[in-house]
Amino acid sequence: MNVGGTSYVTHFGIDWPAGTHRVLACLNLAKKWRLFREERGIDVRDPGDRLEEALRLLLPSLKMSPWTVQMIHDFAEHDEYHMLGGAASGKSHAIAACSIAMWITDPLDTAVVISSATLTDLRTRAWSPVTTLFTELKNNRLGFAIPGKLVANQYAIVNEKDEALAATQAARAAIQGRSLDEGRIVGLHVPWVVFMVDELALVRDLDSLQQNIANIRTGTLGFKFCTASNPEPWDHPTSLYYKPPKGVRLTPDTGSWV
């Protein structure tokens, strides 16, 4: 549509610059729904619906079980999200898909840190879904040109080629894999950051984890901290991140709690 010499397209009752694909509108609404409400007075009723739609179109291999759909919706709606599930329940794939989706919405203004307790855990668990889904995304059936380059022999996807720098240490590392036993993770100096910890129950130094969260969060416009873990007893040290508040009763049918 052209009004007063300005062209635009409408998705979800909102005007976007001409040529904006519905998927990009979905990604922006899923990622920035709070900004739409605070700055434009637009109420995005369920950002999870928008993220789910985008992922179904961009990553058709992602198995959309009811459990995965629940994870996607919770990821979109909460800035701190802890995912519990048994082995092979799709936790790592779901959280990797959601994190990559946040990155491609604003690839130059977003950084994603995928972490595990040790380098072995990172290599054998958390990083594999990232590379699998990124490769699929680069060959998406919608024909979108996806930025980024998977760096050989490093746990990094970068926005530009720079052979002189270690990708996981450079600001250009759009998506980076880190083992928490490496020590301190410094601020990433971009507006949007996703910090994901896979296999949270294996993390031993929770004080260092909290310091890393503080470092990465500093100066961000939007920050997501999410974890994936097998269920542990309520007295396990990491349960402080997901133990239900007093008065919340869990049953086998409880999907999520706040």
C-alpha atoms as a PDB file:
ATOM      1  CA  MET A   1       0.000   0.000   0.000  1.00  0.00           C
ATOM      2  CA  ASN A   2       1.156   3.557  -0.746  1.00  0.00           C
ATOM      3  CA  VAL A   3      -0.101   6.459   1.347  1.00  0.00           C
ATOM      4  CA  GLY A   4       1.305   9.951   0.875  1.00  0.00           C
ATOM      5  CA  GLY A   5       4.220   8.591  -1.125  1.00  0.00           C
ATOM      6  CA  THR A   6       5.189   6.100   1.604  1.00  0.00           C
ATOM      7  CA  SER A   7       4.838   2.391   0.888  1.00  0.00           C
ATOM      8  CA  TYR A   8       4.098  -0.133   3.570  1.00  0.00           C
ATOM      9  CA  VAL A   9       2.647  -3.595   4.120  1.00  0.00           C
ATOM     10  CA  THR A  10       0.359  -4.727   6.927  1.00  0.00           C
ATOM     11  CA  HIS A  11       0.896  -7.840   9.041  1.00  0.00           C
ATOM     12  CA  PHE A  12      -1.108  -8.582  12.196  1.00  0.00           C
ATOM     13  CA  GLY A  13      -2.799  -5.194  11.963  1.00  0.00           C
ATOM     14  CA  ILE A  14       0.543  -3.365  12.086  1.00  0.00           C
ATOM     15  CA  ASP A  15       2.142  -1.347   9.283  1.00  0.00           C
ATOM     16  CA  TRP A  16       5.665  -2.419   8.261  1.00  0.00           C
ATOM     17  CA  PRO A  17       8.102  -1.094   5.637  1.00  0.00           C
ATOM     18  CA  ALA A  18       7.213  -2.255   2.131  1.00  0.00           C
ATOM     19  CA  GLY A  19       8.575  -5.702   1.362  1.00  0.00           C
ATOM     20  CA  THR A  20       8.643  -6.894   4.972  1.00  0.00           C
ATOM     21  CA  HIS A  21       7.930 -10.625   4.904  1.00  0.00           C
ATOM     22  CA  ARG A  22       5.374 -12.027   7.330  1.00  0.00           C
ATOM     23  CA  VAL A  23       8.099 -14.202   8.913  1.00  0.00           C
ATOM     24  CA  LEU A  24      10.230 -11.152   9.710  1.00  0.00           C
ATOM     25  CA  ALA A  25       7.175  -9.491  11.244  1.00  0.00           C
ATOM     26  CA  CYS A  26       6.665 -12.618  13.355  1.00  0.00           C
ATOM     27  CA  LEU A  27      10.270 -12.568  14.532  1.00  0.00           C
ATOM     28  CA  ASN A  28      10.168  -8.895  15.459  1.00  0.00           C
ATOM     29  CA  LEU A  29       6.935  -9.292  17.406  1.00  0.00           C
ATOM     30  CA  ALA A  30       8.259 -12.354  19.233  1.00  0.00           C
ATOM     31  CA  LYS A  31      11.503 -10.637  20.155  1.00  0.00           C
ATOM     32  CA  LYS A  32      10.368  -7.067  20.806  1.00  0.00           C
ATOM     33  CA  TRP A  33       6.808  -7.407  22.030  1.00  0.00           C
ATOM     34  CA  ARG A  34       7.566  -5.325  25.107  1.00  0.00           C
ATOM     35  CA  LEU A  35       8.941  -2.494  22.985  1.00  0.00           C
ATOM     36  CA  PHE A  36       5.847  -2.570  20.801  1.00  0.00           C
ATOM     37  CA  ARG A  37       3.730  -2.170  23.923  1.00  0.00           C
ATOM     38  CA  GLU A  38       5.875   0.432  25.681  1.00  0.00           C
ATOM     39  CA  GLU A  39       6.850   2.598  22.709  1.00  0.00           C
ATOM     40  CA  ARG A  40       3.907   2.191  20.333  1.00  0.00           C
ATOM     41  CA  GLY A  41       1.056   1.111  22.574  1.00  0.00           C
ATOM     42  CA  ILE A  42       0.599  -2.107  20.574  1.00  0.00           C
ATOM     43  CA  ASP A  43      -0.378  -5.148  22.606  1.00  0.00           C
ATOM     44  CA  VAL A  44       1.160  -8.323  21.167  1.00  0.00           C
ATOM     45  CA  ARG A  45      -1.198 -10.813  22.771  1.00  0.00           C
ATOM     46  CA  ASP A  46       0.875 -13.958  22.350  1.00  0.00           C
ATOM     47  CA  PRO A  47       4.451 -13.535  21.145  1.00  0.00           C
ATOM     48  CA  GLY A  48       4.798 -17.308  21.385  1.00  0.00           C
ATOM     49  CA  ASP A  49       2.352 -17.731  18.504  1.00  0.00           C
ATOM     50  CA  ARG A  50       4.511 -15.491  16.353  1.00  0.00           C
ATOM     51  CA  LEU A  51       7.735 -17.328  17.233  1.00  0.00           C
ATOM     52  CA  GLU A  52       6.109 -20.701  16.629  1.00  0.00           C
ATOM     53  CA  GLU A  53       4.862 -19.612  13.187  1.00  0.00           C
ATOM     54  CA  ALA A  54       8.292 -18.333  12.185  1.00  0.00           C
ATOM     55  CA  LEU A  55      10.068 -21.493  13.312  1.00  0.00           C
ATOM     56  CA  ARG A  56       7.589 -23.774  11.539  1.00  0.00           C
ATOM     57  CA  LEU A  57       8.338 -21.967   8.267  1.00  0.00           C
ATOM     58  CA  LEU A  58      12.082 -21.502   8.696  1.00  0.00           C
ATOM     59  CA  LEU A  59      12.986 -24.834  10.304  1.00  0.00           C
ATOM     60  CA  PRO A  60      10.530 -27.498   9.121  1.00  0.00           C
ATOM     61  CA  SER A  61      12.724 -30.274  10.544  1.00  0.00           C
ATOM     62  CA  LEU A  62      12.064 -29.046  14.102  1.00  0.00           C
ATOM     63  CA  LYS A  63       9.683 -31.556  15.678  1.00  0.00           C
ATOM     64  CA  MET A  64       6.714 -29.596  16.978  1.00  0.00           C
ATOM     65  CA  SER A  65       5.488 -31.840  19.773  1.00  0.00           C
ATOM     66  CA  PRO A  66       3.171 -30.238  22.365  1.00  0.00           C
ATOM     67  CA  TRP A  67       6.212 -30.113  24.663  1.00  0.00           C
ATOM     68  CA  THR A  68       8.293 -28.241  22.067  1.00  0.00           C
ATOM     69  CA  VAL A  69       5.464 -25.799  21.390  1.00  0.00           C
ATOM     70  CA  GLN A  70       5.202 -25.122  25.127  1.00  0.00           C
ATOM     71  CA  MET A  71       8.947 -24.419  25.257  1.00  0.00           C
ATOM     72  CA  ILE A  72       8.749 -22.014  22.319  1.00  0.00           C
ATOM     73  CA  HIS A  73       5.893 -20.050  23.853  1.00  0.00           C
ATOM     74  CA  ASP A  74       7.562 -19.845  27.253  1.00  0.00           C
ATOM     75  CA  PHE A  75      10.837 -18.732  25.666  1.00  0.00           C
ATOM     76  CA  ALA A  76       9.104 -15.875  23.853  1.00  0.00           C
ATOM     77  CA  GLU A  77       7.118 -14.686  26.854  1.00  0.00           C
ATOM     78  CA  HIS A  78       9.769 -14.742  29.587  1.00  0.00           C
ATOM     79  CA  ASP A  79      13.200 -13.139  29.855  1.00  0.00           C
ATOM     80  CA  GLU A  80      14.331 -15.725  32.380  1.00  0.00           C
ATOM     81  CA  TYR A  81      13.293 -19.227  31.447  1.00  0.00           C
ATOM     82  CA  HIS A  82      14.337 -22.607  32.821  1.00  0.00           C
ATOM     83  CA  MET A  83      13.465 -25.702  30.834  1.00  0.00           C
ATOM     84  CA  LEU A  84      13.197 -29.060  32.603  1.00  0.00           C
ATOM     85  CA  GLY A  85      12.837 -32.357  30.781  1.00  0.00           C
ATOM     86  CA  GLY A  86      14.169 -35.853  30.496  1.00  0.00           C
ATOM     87  CA  ALA A  87      16.954 -36.960  28.187  1.00  0.00           C
ATOM     88  CA  ALA A  88      16.168 -36.729  24.455  1.00  0.00           C
ATOM     89  CA  SER A  89      13.083 -34.581  25.070  1.00  0.00           C
ATOM     90  CA  GLY A  90      14.209 -31.936  22.590  1.00  0.00           C
ATOM     91  CA  LYS A  91      15.359 -29.298  25.085  1.00  0.00           C
ATOM     92  CA  SER A  92      18.634 -28.436  23.381  1.00  0.00           C
ATOM     93  CA  HIS A  93      17.092 -28.297  19.910  1.00  0.00           C
ATOM     94  CA  ALA A  94      14.197 -26.113  21.002  1.00  0.00           C
ATOM     95  CA  ILE A  95      16.344 -23.617  22.854  1.00  0.00           C
ATOM     96  CA  ALA A  96      18.899 -23.494  20.017  1.00  0.00           C
ATOM     97  CA  ALA A  97      16.121 -22.837  17.487  1.00  0.00           C
ATOM     98  CA  CYS A  98      14.644 -20.039  19.587  1.00  0.00           C
ATOM     99  CA  SER A  99      18.047 -18.463  20.188  1.00  0.00           C
ATOM    100  CA  ILE A 100      18.976 -18.527  16.499  1.00  0.00           C
ATOM    101  CA  ALA A 101      15.605 -16.953  15.683  1.00  0.00           C
ATOM    102  CA  MET A 102      16.370 -14.082  18.052  1.00  0.00           C
ATOM    103  CA  TRP A 103      19.705 -13.556  16.307  1.00  0.00           C
ATOM    104  CA  ILE A 104      18.484 -13.477  12.707  1.00  0.00           C
ATOM    105  CA  THR A 105      15.885 -10.839  13.610  1.00  0.00           C
ATOM    106  CA  ASP A 106      18.729  -8.314  14.145  1.00  0.00           C
ATOM    107  CA  PRO A 107      21.963 -10.163  13.337  1.00  0.00           C
ATOM    108  CA  LEU A 108      24.298  -7.193  13.792  1.00  0.00           C
ATOM    109  CA  ASP A 109      22.697  -6.099  17.057  1.00  0.00           C
ATOM    110  CA  THR A 110      22.304  -9.495  18.715  1.00  0.00           C
ATOM    111  CA  ALA A 111      24.667 -11.951  20.371  1.00  0.00           C
ATOM    112  CA  VAL A 112      23.869 -15.472  21.530  1.00  0.00           C
ATOM    113  CA  VAL A 113      26.014 -17.404  23.999  1.00  0.00           C
ATOM    114  CA  ILE A 114      25.366 -21.151  24.113  1.00  0.00           C
ATOM    115  CA  SER A 115      27.191 -22.566  27.135  1.00  0.00           C
ATOM    116  CA  SER A 116      27.791 -25.796  29.002  1.00  0.00           C
ATOM    117  CA  ALA A 117      29.672 -26.642  32.160  1.00  0.00           C
ATOM    118  CA  THR A 118      32.682 -28.067  30.302  1.00  0.00           C
ATOM    119  CA  LEU A 119      34.073 -28.054  26.794  1.00  0.00           C
ATOM    120  CA  THR A 120      33.213 -31.748  26.468  1.00  0.00           C
ATOM    121  CA  ASP A 121      29.585 -31.035  27.344  1.00  0.00           C
ATOM    122  CA  LEU A 122      29.534 -28.179  24.846  1.00  0.00           C
ATOM    123  CA  ARG A 123      30.954 -30.341  22.064  1.00  0.00           C
ATOM    124  CA  THR A 124      28.779 -33.406  22.680  1.00  0.00           C
ATOM    125  CA  ARG A 125      25.478 -31.770  23.643  1.00  0.00           C
ATOM    126  CA  ALA A 126      24.803 -28.072  23.283  1.00  0.00           C
ATOM    127  CA  TRP A 127      26.649 -27.082  20.099  1.00  0.00           C
ATOM    128  CA  SER A 128      25.490 -29.843  17.770  1.00  0.00           C
ATOM    129  CA  PRO A 129      21.879 -28.571  17.503  1.00  0.00           C
ATOM    130  CA  VAL A 130      23.197 -25.089  16.746  1.00  0.00           C
ATOM    131  CA  THR A 131      25.223 -26.233  13.742  1.00  0.00           C
ATOM    132  CA  THR A 132      22.450 -28.525  12.483  1.00  0.00           C
ATOM    133  CA  LEU A 133      19.764 -25.836  12.651  1.00  0.00           C
ATOM    134  CA  PHE A 134      22.027 -23.097  11.305  1.00  0.00           C
ATOM    135  CA  THR A 135      22.866 -25.226   8.265  1.00  0.00           C
ATOM    136  CA  GLU A 136      19.173 -25.855   7.650  1.00  0.00           C
ATOM    137  CA  LEU A 137      18.431 -22.163   8.062  1.00  0.00           C
ATOM    138  CA  LYS A 138      21.067 -21.203   5.496  1.00  0.00           C
ATOM    139  CA  ASN A 139      19.190 -23.417   3.028  1.00  0.00           C
ATOM    140  CA  ASN A 140      15.680 -22.361   4.044  1.00  0.00           C
ATOM    141  CA  ARG A 141      12.863 -23.026   1.605  1.00  0.00           C
ATOM    142  CA  LEU A 142      11.678 -19.391   1.745  1.00  0.00           C
ATOM    143  CA  GLY A 143      14.808 -18.231  -0.020  1.00  0.00           C
ATOM    144  CA  PHE A 144      15.899 -15.833   2.736  1.00  0.00           C
ATOM    145  CA  ALA A 145      19.553 -14.808   2.634  1.00  0.00           C
ATOM    146  CA  ILE A 146      20.752 -15.709   6.138  1.00  0.00           C
ATOM    147  CA  PRO A 147      23.894 -13.891   7.274  1.00  0.00           C
ATOM    148  CA  GLY A 148      26.665 -15.496   9.223  1.00  0.00           C
ATOM    149  CA  LYS A 149      29.415 -18.031   8.698  1.00  0.00           C
ATOM    150  CA  LEU A 150      30.127 -21.156  10.713  1.00  0.00           C
ATOM    151  CA  VAL A 151      33.794 -21.035  11.689  1.00  0.00           C
ATOM    152  CA  ALA A 152      35.633 -24.318  11.229  1.00  0.00           C
ATOM    153  CA  ASN A 153      37.139 -25.856  14.357  1.00  0.00           C
ATOM    154  CA  GLN A 154      35.638 -23.182  16.608  1.00  0.00           C
ATOM    155  CA  TYR A 155      32.379 -22.859  18.469  1.00  0.00           C
ATOM    156  CA  ALA A 156      31.259 -19.742  16.661  1.00  0.00           C
ATOM    157  CA  ILE A 157      29.043 -18.317  13.959  1.00  0.00           C
ATOM    158  CA  VAL A 158      30.289 -14.909  12.867  1.00  0.00           C
ATOM    159  CA  ASN A 159      28.827 -11.992  10.972  1.00  0.00           C
ATOM    160  CA  GLU A 160      32.001 -11.269   9.045  1.00  0.00           C
ATOM    161  CA  LYS A 161      35.204 -13.020   8.104  1.00  0.00           C
ATOM    162  CA  ASP A 162      38.246 -12.140  10.184  1.00  0.00           C
ATOM    163  CA  GLU A 163      40.838 -14.871  10.312  1.00  0.00           C
ATOM    164  CA  ALA A 164      43.102 -12.853  12.621  1.00  0.00           C
ATOM    165  CA  LEU A 165      40.797 -13.086  15.629  1.00  0.00           C
ATOM    166  CA  ALA A 166      39.607 -16.024  17.668  1.00  0.00           C
ATOM    167  CA  ALA A 167      35.921 -16.062  16.819  1.00  0.00           C
ATOM    168  CA  THR A 168      34.654 -16.945  20.295  1.00  0.00           C
ATOM    169  CA  GLN A 169      36.573 -14.014  21.783  1.00  0.00           C
ATOM    170  CA  ALA A 170      35.651 -11.364  19.238  1.00  0.00           C
ATOM    171  CA  ALA A 171      32.723  -9.001  19.228  1.00  0.00           C
ATOM    172  CA  ARG A 172      31.926 -10.250  15.733  1.00  0.00           C
ATOM    173  CA  ALA A 173      30.943 -13.679  17.108  1.00  0.00           C
ATOM    174  CA  ALA A 174      27.198 -13.501  16.660  1.00  0.00           C
ATOM    175  CA  ILE A 175      26.607 -16.958  18.133  1.00  0.00           C
ATOM    176  CA  GLN A 176      29.309 -18.423  20.311  1.00  0.00           C
ATOM    177  CA  GLY A 177      29.724 -21.602  22.290  1.00  0.00           C
ATOM    178  CA  ARG A 178      31.446 -21.315  25.654  1.00  0.00           C
ATOM    179  CA  SER A 179      32.338 -23.705  28.443  1.00  0.00           C
ATOM    180  CA  LEU A 180      31.690 -22.150  31.829  1.00  0.00           C
ATOM    181  CA  ASP A 181      34.872 -23.626  33.259  1.00  0.00           C
ATOM    182  CA  GLU A 182      36.817 -21.270  30.953  1.00  0.00           C
ATOM    183  CA  GLY A 183      36.087 -18.564  33.479  1.00  0.00           C
ATOM    184  CA  ARG A 184      34.726 -15.067  33.090  1.00  0.00           C
ATOM    185  CA  ILE A 185      32.556 -14.089  30.119  1.00  0.00           C
ATOM    186  CA  VAL A 186      32.797 -10.369  29.419  1.00  0.00           C
ATOM    187  CA  GLY A 187      30.065  -8.057  28.180  1.00  0.00           C
ATOM    188  CA  LEU A 188      29.179  -8.394  24.511  1.00  0.00           C
ATOM    189  CA  HIS A 189      28.355  -4.738  23.774  1.00  0.00           C
ATOM    190  CA  VAL A 190      25.250  -5.299  21.668  1.00  0.00           C
ATOM    191  CA  PRO A 191      21.650  -4.275  22.458  1.00  0.00           C
ATOM    192  CA  TRP A 192      20.192  -7.799  22.442  1.00  0.00           C
ATOM    193  CA  VAL A 193      21.724 -10.815  24.175  1.00  0.00           C
ATOM    194  CA  VAL A 194      20.600 -14.400  24.738  1.00  0.00           C
ATOM    195  CA  PHE A 195      22.584 -16.384  27.324  1.00  0.00           C
ATOM    196  CA  MET A 196      21.742 -20.081  27.367  1.00  0.00           C
ATOM    197  CA  VAL A 197      23.113 -22.717  29.762  1.00  0.00           C
ATOM    198  CA  ASP A 198      22.650 -26.320  28.686  1.00  0.00           C
ATOM    199  CA  GLU A 199      22.654 -29.070  31.344  1.00  0.00           C
ATOM    200  CA  LEU A 200      22.399 -26.597  34.205  1.00  0.00           C
ATOM    201  CA  ALA A 201      22.617 -29.357  36.807  1.00  0.00           C
ATOM    202  CA  LEU A 202      26.233 -30.009  35.810  1.00  0.00           C
ATOM    203  CA  VAL A 203      27.329 -26.460  36.646  1.00  0.00           C
ATOM    204  CA  ARG A 204      29.274 -26.457  39.900  1.00  0.00           C
ATOM    205  CA  ASP A 205      30.314 -22.822  40.336  1.00  0.00           C
ATOM    206  CA  LEU A 206      26.989 -20.999  40.589  1.00  0.00           C
ATOM    207  CA  ASP A 207      28.637 -17.839  41.924  1.00  0.00           C
ATOM    208  CA  SER A 208      30.659 -17.533  38.723  1.00  0.00           C
ATOM    209  CA  LEU A 209      27.509 -18.186  36.702  1.00  0.00           C
ATOM    210  CA  GLN A 210      25.769 -15.302  38.453  1.00  0.00           C
ATOM    211  CA  GLN A 211      28.753 -13.062  37.732  1.00  0.00           C
ATOM    212  CA  ASN A 212      28.664 -14.025  34.074  1.00  0.00           C
ATOM    213  CA  ILE A 213      24.965 -13.161  33.931  1.00  0.00           C
ATOM    214  CA  ALA A 214      25.685  -9.735  35.416  1.00  0.00           C
ATOM    215  CA  ASN A 215      28.561  -9.128  32.978  1.00  0.00           C
ATOM    216  CA  ILE A 216      26.583 -10.084  29.886  1.00  0.00           C
ATOM    217  CA  ARG A 217      23.403  -8.273  30.930  1.00  0.00           C
ATOM    218  CA  THR A 218      25.125  -4.909  31.453  1.00  0.00           C
ATOM    219  CA  GLY A 219      24.060  -2.264  28.948  1.00  0.00           C
ATOM    220  CA  THR A 220      21.595  -4.423  27.022  1.00  0.00           C
ATOM    221  CA  LEU A 221      18.221  -3.350  25.720  1.00  0.00           C
ATOM    222  CA  GLY A 222      16.913  -6.899  25.872  1.00  0.00           C
ATOM    223  CA  PHE A 223      18.461  -9.820  27.755  1.00  0.00           C
ATOM    224  CA  LYS A 224      17.290 -13.428  27.919  1.00  0.00           C
ATOM    225  CA  PHE A 225      18.734 -15.964  30.320  1.00  0.00           C
ATOM    226  CA  CYS A 226      17.567 -19.517  29.755  1.00  0.00           C
ATOM    227  CA  THR A 227      18.657 -22.941  30.912  1.00  0.00           C
ATOM    228  CA  ALA A 228      17.957 -26.563  30.059  1.00  0.00           C
ATOM    229  CA  SER A 229      18.319 -29.369  32.543  1.00  0.00           C
ATOM    230  CA  ASN A 230      17.122 -32.781  33.591  1.00  0.00           C
ATOM    231  CA  PRO A 231      14.854 -32.578  36.660  1.00  0.00           C
ATOM    232  CA  GLU A 232      16.739 -32.703  39.942  1.00  0.00           C
ATOM    233  CA  PRO A 233      15.561 -32.908  43.584  1.00  0.00           C
ATOM    234  CA  TRP A 234      14.401 -29.616  45.087  1.00  0.00           C
ATOM    235  CA  ASP A 235      17.451 -29.596  47.367  1.00  0.00           C
ATOM    236  CA  HIS A 236      19.856 -29.630  44.410  1.00  0.00           C
ATOM    237  CA  PRO A 237      21.875 -26.372  44.320  1.00  0.00           C
ATOM    238  CA  THR A 238      20.647 -25.414  40.846  1.00  0.00           C
ATOM    239  CA  SER A 239      16.991 -25.722  41.885  1.00  0.00           C
ATOM    240  CA  LEU A 240      17.168 -22.107  43.057  1.00  0.00           C
ATOM    241  CA  TYR A 241      16.622 -21.192  39.398  1.00  0.00           C
ATOM    242  CA  TYR A 242      13.421 -23.163  38.904  1.00  0.00           C
ATOM    243  CA  LYS A 243      11.947 -24.204  42.267  1.00  0.00           C
ATOM    244  CA  PRO A 244       8.264 -23.230  42.206  1.00  0.00           C
ATOM    245  CA  PRO A 245       7.233 -20.426  44.546  1.00  0.00           C
ATOM    246  CA  LYS A 246       5.416 -21.232  47.749  1.00  0.00           C
ATOM    247  CA  GLY A 247       1.837 -22.272  47.114  1.00  0.00           C
ATOM    248  CA  VAL A 248       2.407 -23.577  43.582  1.00  0.00           C
ATOM    249  CA  ARG A 249       1.501 -27.261  43.388  1.00  0.00           C
ATOM    250  CA  LEU A 250       2.985 -29.294  40.558  1.00  0.00           C
ATOM    251  CA  THR A 251       1.300 -32.267  38.928  1.00  0.00           C
ATOM    252  CA  PRO A 252       2.269 -34.471  35.961  1.00  0.00           C
ATOM    253  CA  ASP A 253       0.119 -32.180  33.806  1.00  0.00           C
ATOM    254  CA  THR A 254       1.815 -28.930  34.840  1.00  0.00           C
ATOM    255  CA  GLY A 255       3.317 -27.415  31.741  1.00  0.00           C
ATOM    256  CA  SER A 256       5.024 -24.393  33.252  1.00  0.00           C
ATOM    257  CA  TRP A 257       4.999 -22.130  36.270  1.00  0.00           C
ATOM    258  CA  VAL A 258       6.095 -18.591  37.068  1.00  0.00           C
END
